[in-house]
Amino acid sequence: MRPRRVAFVGSIKWRERIPFGGRDLGRIAAQLDEVPGTDEDTVLVGVSRQGFDEQGRGVDVALVPEDLLEAWKQR
């Protein structure tokens, strides 16, 4: 059974030196139509060990390691 609506799609880039960039964002956006249940309201999420370059900041939600650790501390 497929969901009627997908809330978010994203990509995790856990690279040692290269931040999440425009090319990474472009890949998410290009594949969005291939995911059943996505629409113009589907949130684009990026998770990156090395942060985000200027173009990569175009995701709706940008998470770095500190964000992930902080989320667990609040429990």
N, C-alpha and C. Protein backbone atom coordinates (compact mmCIF):
# COMPACT_ATOMS: atom_id res chain seq x y z
N MET A 1 0.84 -1.18 0.00
CA MET A 1 0.00 0.00 0.00
C MET A 1 0.89 1.25 0.00
N ARG A 2 0.67 2.13 -0.93
CA ARG A 2 1.45 3.36 -1.03
C ARG A 2 0.79 4.47 -0.23
N PRO A 3 1.61 5.32 0.36
CA PRO A 3 1.03 6.46 1.08
C PRO A 3 0.39 7.42 0.09
N ARG A 4 -0.65 8.10 0.54
CA ARG A 4 -1.30 9.09 -0.31
C ARG A 4 -0.41 10.31 -0.50
N ARG A 5 0.31 10.63 0.55
CA ARG A 5 1.15 11.82 0.51
C ARG A 5 2.46 11.56 1.25
N VAL A 6 3.54 11.96 0.64
CA VAL A 6 4.86 11.85 1.26
C VAL A 6 5.20 13.22 1.84
N ALA A 7 5.52 13.26 3.12
CA ALA A 7 5.78 14.54 3.80
C ALA A 7 7.13 15.13 3.41
N PHE A 8 8.15 14.27 3.26
CA PHE A 8 9.47 14.79 2.90
C PHE A 8 10.29 13.74 2.15
N VAL A 9 11.24 14.23 1.39
CA VAL A 9 12.26 13.39 0.75
C VAL A 9 13.60 14.07 1.01
N GLY A 10 14.67 13.29 0.98
CA GLY A 10 15.94 13.93 1.27
C GLY A 10 17.13 13.09 0.91
N SER A 11 18.27 13.61 1.34
CA SER A 11 19.54 12.97 1.04
C SER A 11 20.49 13.20 2.20
N ILE A 12 21.26 12.15 2.52
CA ILE A 12 22.29 12.25 3.55
C ILE A 12 23.64 12.17 2.85
N LYS A 13 24.48 13.16 3.10
CA LYS A 13 25.84 13.19 2.54
C LYS A 13 26.81 13.26 3.71
N TRP A 14 27.42 12.13 4.03
CA TRP A 14 28.33 12.03 5.18
C TRP A 14 29.77 12.00 4.69
N ARG A 15 30.13 12.98 3.89
CA ARG A 15 31.47 13.06 3.30
C ARG A 15 32.43 13.75 4.25
N GLU A 16 33.71 13.42 4.12
CA GLU A 16 34.72 13.98 5.02
C GLU A 16 35.07 15.43 4.72
N ARG A 17 35.01 15.84 3.46
CA ARG A 17 35.49 17.19 3.12
C ARG A 17 34.50 18.04 2.34
N ILE A 18 33.59 17.46 1.63
CA ILE A 18 32.74 18.21 0.70
C ILE A 18 31.35 18.44 1.31
N PRO A 19 30.90 19.70 1.35
CA PRO A 19 29.57 19.98 1.88
C PRO A 19 28.46 19.56 0.90
N PHE A 20 27.27 19.54 1.40
CA PHE A 20 26.08 19.31 0.58
C PHE A 20 25.96 20.49 -0.37
N GLY A 21 25.83 20.22 -1.66
CA GLY A 21 25.85 21.31 -2.63
C GLY A 21 24.67 21.32 -3.58
N GLY A 22 24.75 22.22 -4.52
CA GLY A 22 23.69 22.38 -5.51
C GLY A 22 23.45 21.13 -6.33
N ARG A 23 24.50 20.40 -6.62
CA ARG A 23 24.35 19.15 -7.38
C ARG A 23 23.53 18.14 -6.57
N ASP A 24 23.78 18.06 -5.28
CA ASP A 24 23.03 17.15 -4.41
C ASP A 24 21.55 17.56 -4.36
N LEU A 25 21.32 18.85 -4.22
CA LEU A 25 19.95 19.36 -4.20
C LEU A 25 19.26 19.08 -5.53
N GLY A 26 19.98 19.27 -6.62
CA GLY A 26 19.42 19.01 -7.94
C GLY A 26 18.99 17.57 -8.12
N ARG A 27 19.76 16.66 -7.57
CA ARG A 27 19.41 15.24 -7.67
C ARG A 27 18.11 14.93 -6.92
N ILE A 28 17.96 15.52 -5.75
CA ILE A 28 16.71 15.31 -4.99
C ILE A 28 15.54 15.85 -5.80
N ALA A 29 15.67 17.07 -6.27
CA ALA A 29 14.58 17.72 -7.01
C ALA A 29 14.24 16.94 -8.29
N ALA A 30 15.26 16.44 -8.99
CA ALA A 30 15.04 15.71 -10.23
C ALA A 30 14.31 14.39 -10.00
N GLN A 31 14.53 13.78 -8.86
CA GLN A 31 13.92 12.48 -8.58
C GLN A 31 12.59 12.60 -7.84
N LEU A 32 12.21 13.79 -7.50
CA LEU A 32 10.98 14.00 -6.73
C LEU A 32 9.76 13.42 -7.43
N ASP A 33 9.65 13.61 -8.74
CA ASP A 33 8.50 13.11 -9.48
C ASP A 33 8.44 11.59 -9.54
N GLU A 34 9.56 10.93 -9.26
CA GLU A 34 9.60 9.47 -9.30
C GLU A 34 9.09 8.84 -8.00
N VAL A 35 8.89 9.66 -6.98
CA VAL A 35 8.43 9.15 -5.69
C VAL A 35 6.92 9.35 -5.60
N PRO A 36 6.15 8.25 -5.59
CA PRO A 36 4.70 8.38 -5.50
C PRO A 36 4.29 9.11 -4.22
N GLY A 37 3.34 9.99 -4.33
CA GLY A 37 2.83 10.70 -3.16
C GLY A 37 3.48 12.05 -2.92
N THR A 38 4.47 12.43 -3.74
CA THR A 38 5.08 13.74 -3.57
C THR A 38 4.31 14.78 -4.38
N ASP A 39 4.41 16.02 -3.94
CA ASP A 39 3.79 17.14 -4.65
C ASP A 39 4.59 18.40 -4.35
N GLU A 40 4.08 19.56 -4.73
CA GLU A 40 4.81 20.81 -4.54
C GLU A 40 5.00 21.16 -3.06
N ASP A 41 4.25 20.53 -2.18
CA ASP A 41 4.38 20.78 -0.74
C ASP A 41 5.34 19.82 -0.04
N THR A 42 5.86 18.84 -0.76
CA THR A 42 6.80 17.89 -0.17
C THR A 42 8.08 18.62 0.23
N VAL A 43 8.50 18.44 1.46
CA VAL A 43 9.67 19.12 2.01
C VAL A 43 10.95 18.41 1.56
N LEU A 44 11.95 19.20 1.15
CA LEU A 44 13.25 18.66 0.77
C LEU A 44 14.19 18.78 1.96
N VAL A 45 14.76 17.65 2.39
CA VAL A 45 15.62 17.60 3.57
C VAL A 45 17.03 17.19 3.16
N GLY A 46 18.01 17.90 3.70
CA GLY A 46 19.40 17.53 3.50
C GLY A 46 20.08 17.33 4.84
N VAL A 47 20.88 16.27 4.95
CA VAL A 47 21.67 16.01 6.15
C VAL A 47 23.12 15.91 5.68
N SER A 48 24.00 16.70 6.31
CA SER A 48 25.37 16.74 5.83
C SER A 48 26.37 16.86 6.97
N ARG A 49 27.37 16.03 6.92
CA ARG A 49 28.45 16.06 7.92
C ARG A 49 29.24 17.36 7.82
N GLN A 50 29.44 17.88 6.61
CA GLN A 50 30.27 19.06 6.40
C GLN A 50 29.48 20.32 6.10
N GLY A 51 28.21 20.34 6.45
CA GLY A 51 27.41 21.54 6.23
C GLY A 51 26.95 21.67 4.79
N PHE A 52 26.61 22.89 4.41
CA PHE A 52 25.98 23.16 3.13
C PHE A 52 26.65 24.34 2.44
N ASP A 53 26.88 24.20 1.13
CA ASP A 53 27.39 25.36 0.41
C ASP A 53 26.20 26.26 0.07
N GLU A 54 26.46 27.37 -0.58
CA GLU A 54 25.39 28.35 -0.85
C GLU A 54 24.23 27.74 -1.61
N GLN A 55 24.50 26.96 -2.64
CA GLN A 55 23.44 26.34 -3.42
C GLN A 55 22.75 25.22 -2.65
N GLY A 56 23.50 24.49 -1.87
CA GLY A 56 22.94 23.40 -1.08
C GLY A 56 21.98 23.87 -0.01
N ARG A 57 22.10 25.13 0.38
CA ARG A 57 21.19 25.68 1.38
C ARG A 57 19.77 25.87 0.85
N GLY A 58 19.56 25.52 -0.41
CA GLY A 58 18.23 25.63 -0.99
C GLY A 58 17.25 24.56 -0.53
N VAL A 59 17.72 23.60 0.27
CA VAL A 59 16.79 22.60 0.81
C VAL A 59 15.87 23.29 1.81
N ASP A 60 14.72 22.70 2.07
CA ASP A 60 13.79 23.27 3.04
C ASP A 60 14.28 23.08 4.47
N VAL A 61 14.91 21.94 4.73
CA VAL A 61 15.45 21.63 6.05
C VAL A 61 16.89 21.16 5.87
N ALA A 62 17.83 21.85 6.53
CA ALA A 62 19.25 21.51 6.44
C ALA A 62 19.74 21.11 7.83
N LEU A 63 20.18 19.88 7.97
CA LEU A 63 20.63 19.37 9.27
C LEU A 63 22.11 18.99 9.23
N VAL A 64 22.82 19.35 10.28
CA VAL A 64 24.23 19.01 10.45
C VAL A 64 24.35 18.12 11.68
N PRO A 65 25.52 17.51 11.93
CA PRO A 65 25.65 16.58 13.06
C PRO A 65 25.18 17.15 14.39
N GLU A 66 25.47 18.41 14.64
CA GLU A 66 25.05 19.02 15.91
C GLU A 66 23.53 19.00 16.07
N ASP A 67 22.80 19.18 14.97
CA ASP A 67 21.34 19.14 15.02
C ASP A 67 20.85 17.75 15.43
N LEU A 68 21.50 16.73 14.89
CA LEU A 68 21.10 15.36 15.22
C LEU A 68 21.38 15.03 16.68
N LEU A 69 22.54 15.44 17.16
CA LEU A 69 22.88 15.20 18.56
C LEU A 69 21.94 15.96 19.49
N GLU A 70 21.63 17.18 19.15
CA GLU A 70 20.73 18.00 19.98
C GLU A 70 19.33 17.38 20.05
N ALA A 71 18.88 16.81 18.96
CA ALA A 71 17.56 16.17 18.94
C ALA A 71 17.50 15.02 19.94
N TRP A 72 18.59 14.28 20.09
CA TRP A 72 18.61 13.17 21.03
C TRP A 72 18.73 13.65 22.47
N LYS A 73 19.38 14.77 22.71
CA LYS A 73 19.52 15.31 24.06
C LYS A 73 18.18 15.73 24.64
N GLN A 74 17.27 16.16 23.80
CA GLN A 74 15.99 16.68 24.27
C GLN A 74 15.05 15.59 24.72
N ARG A 75 15.41 14.35 24.57
CA ARG A 75 14.52 13.25 24.97
C ARG A 75 14.58 12.99 26.43
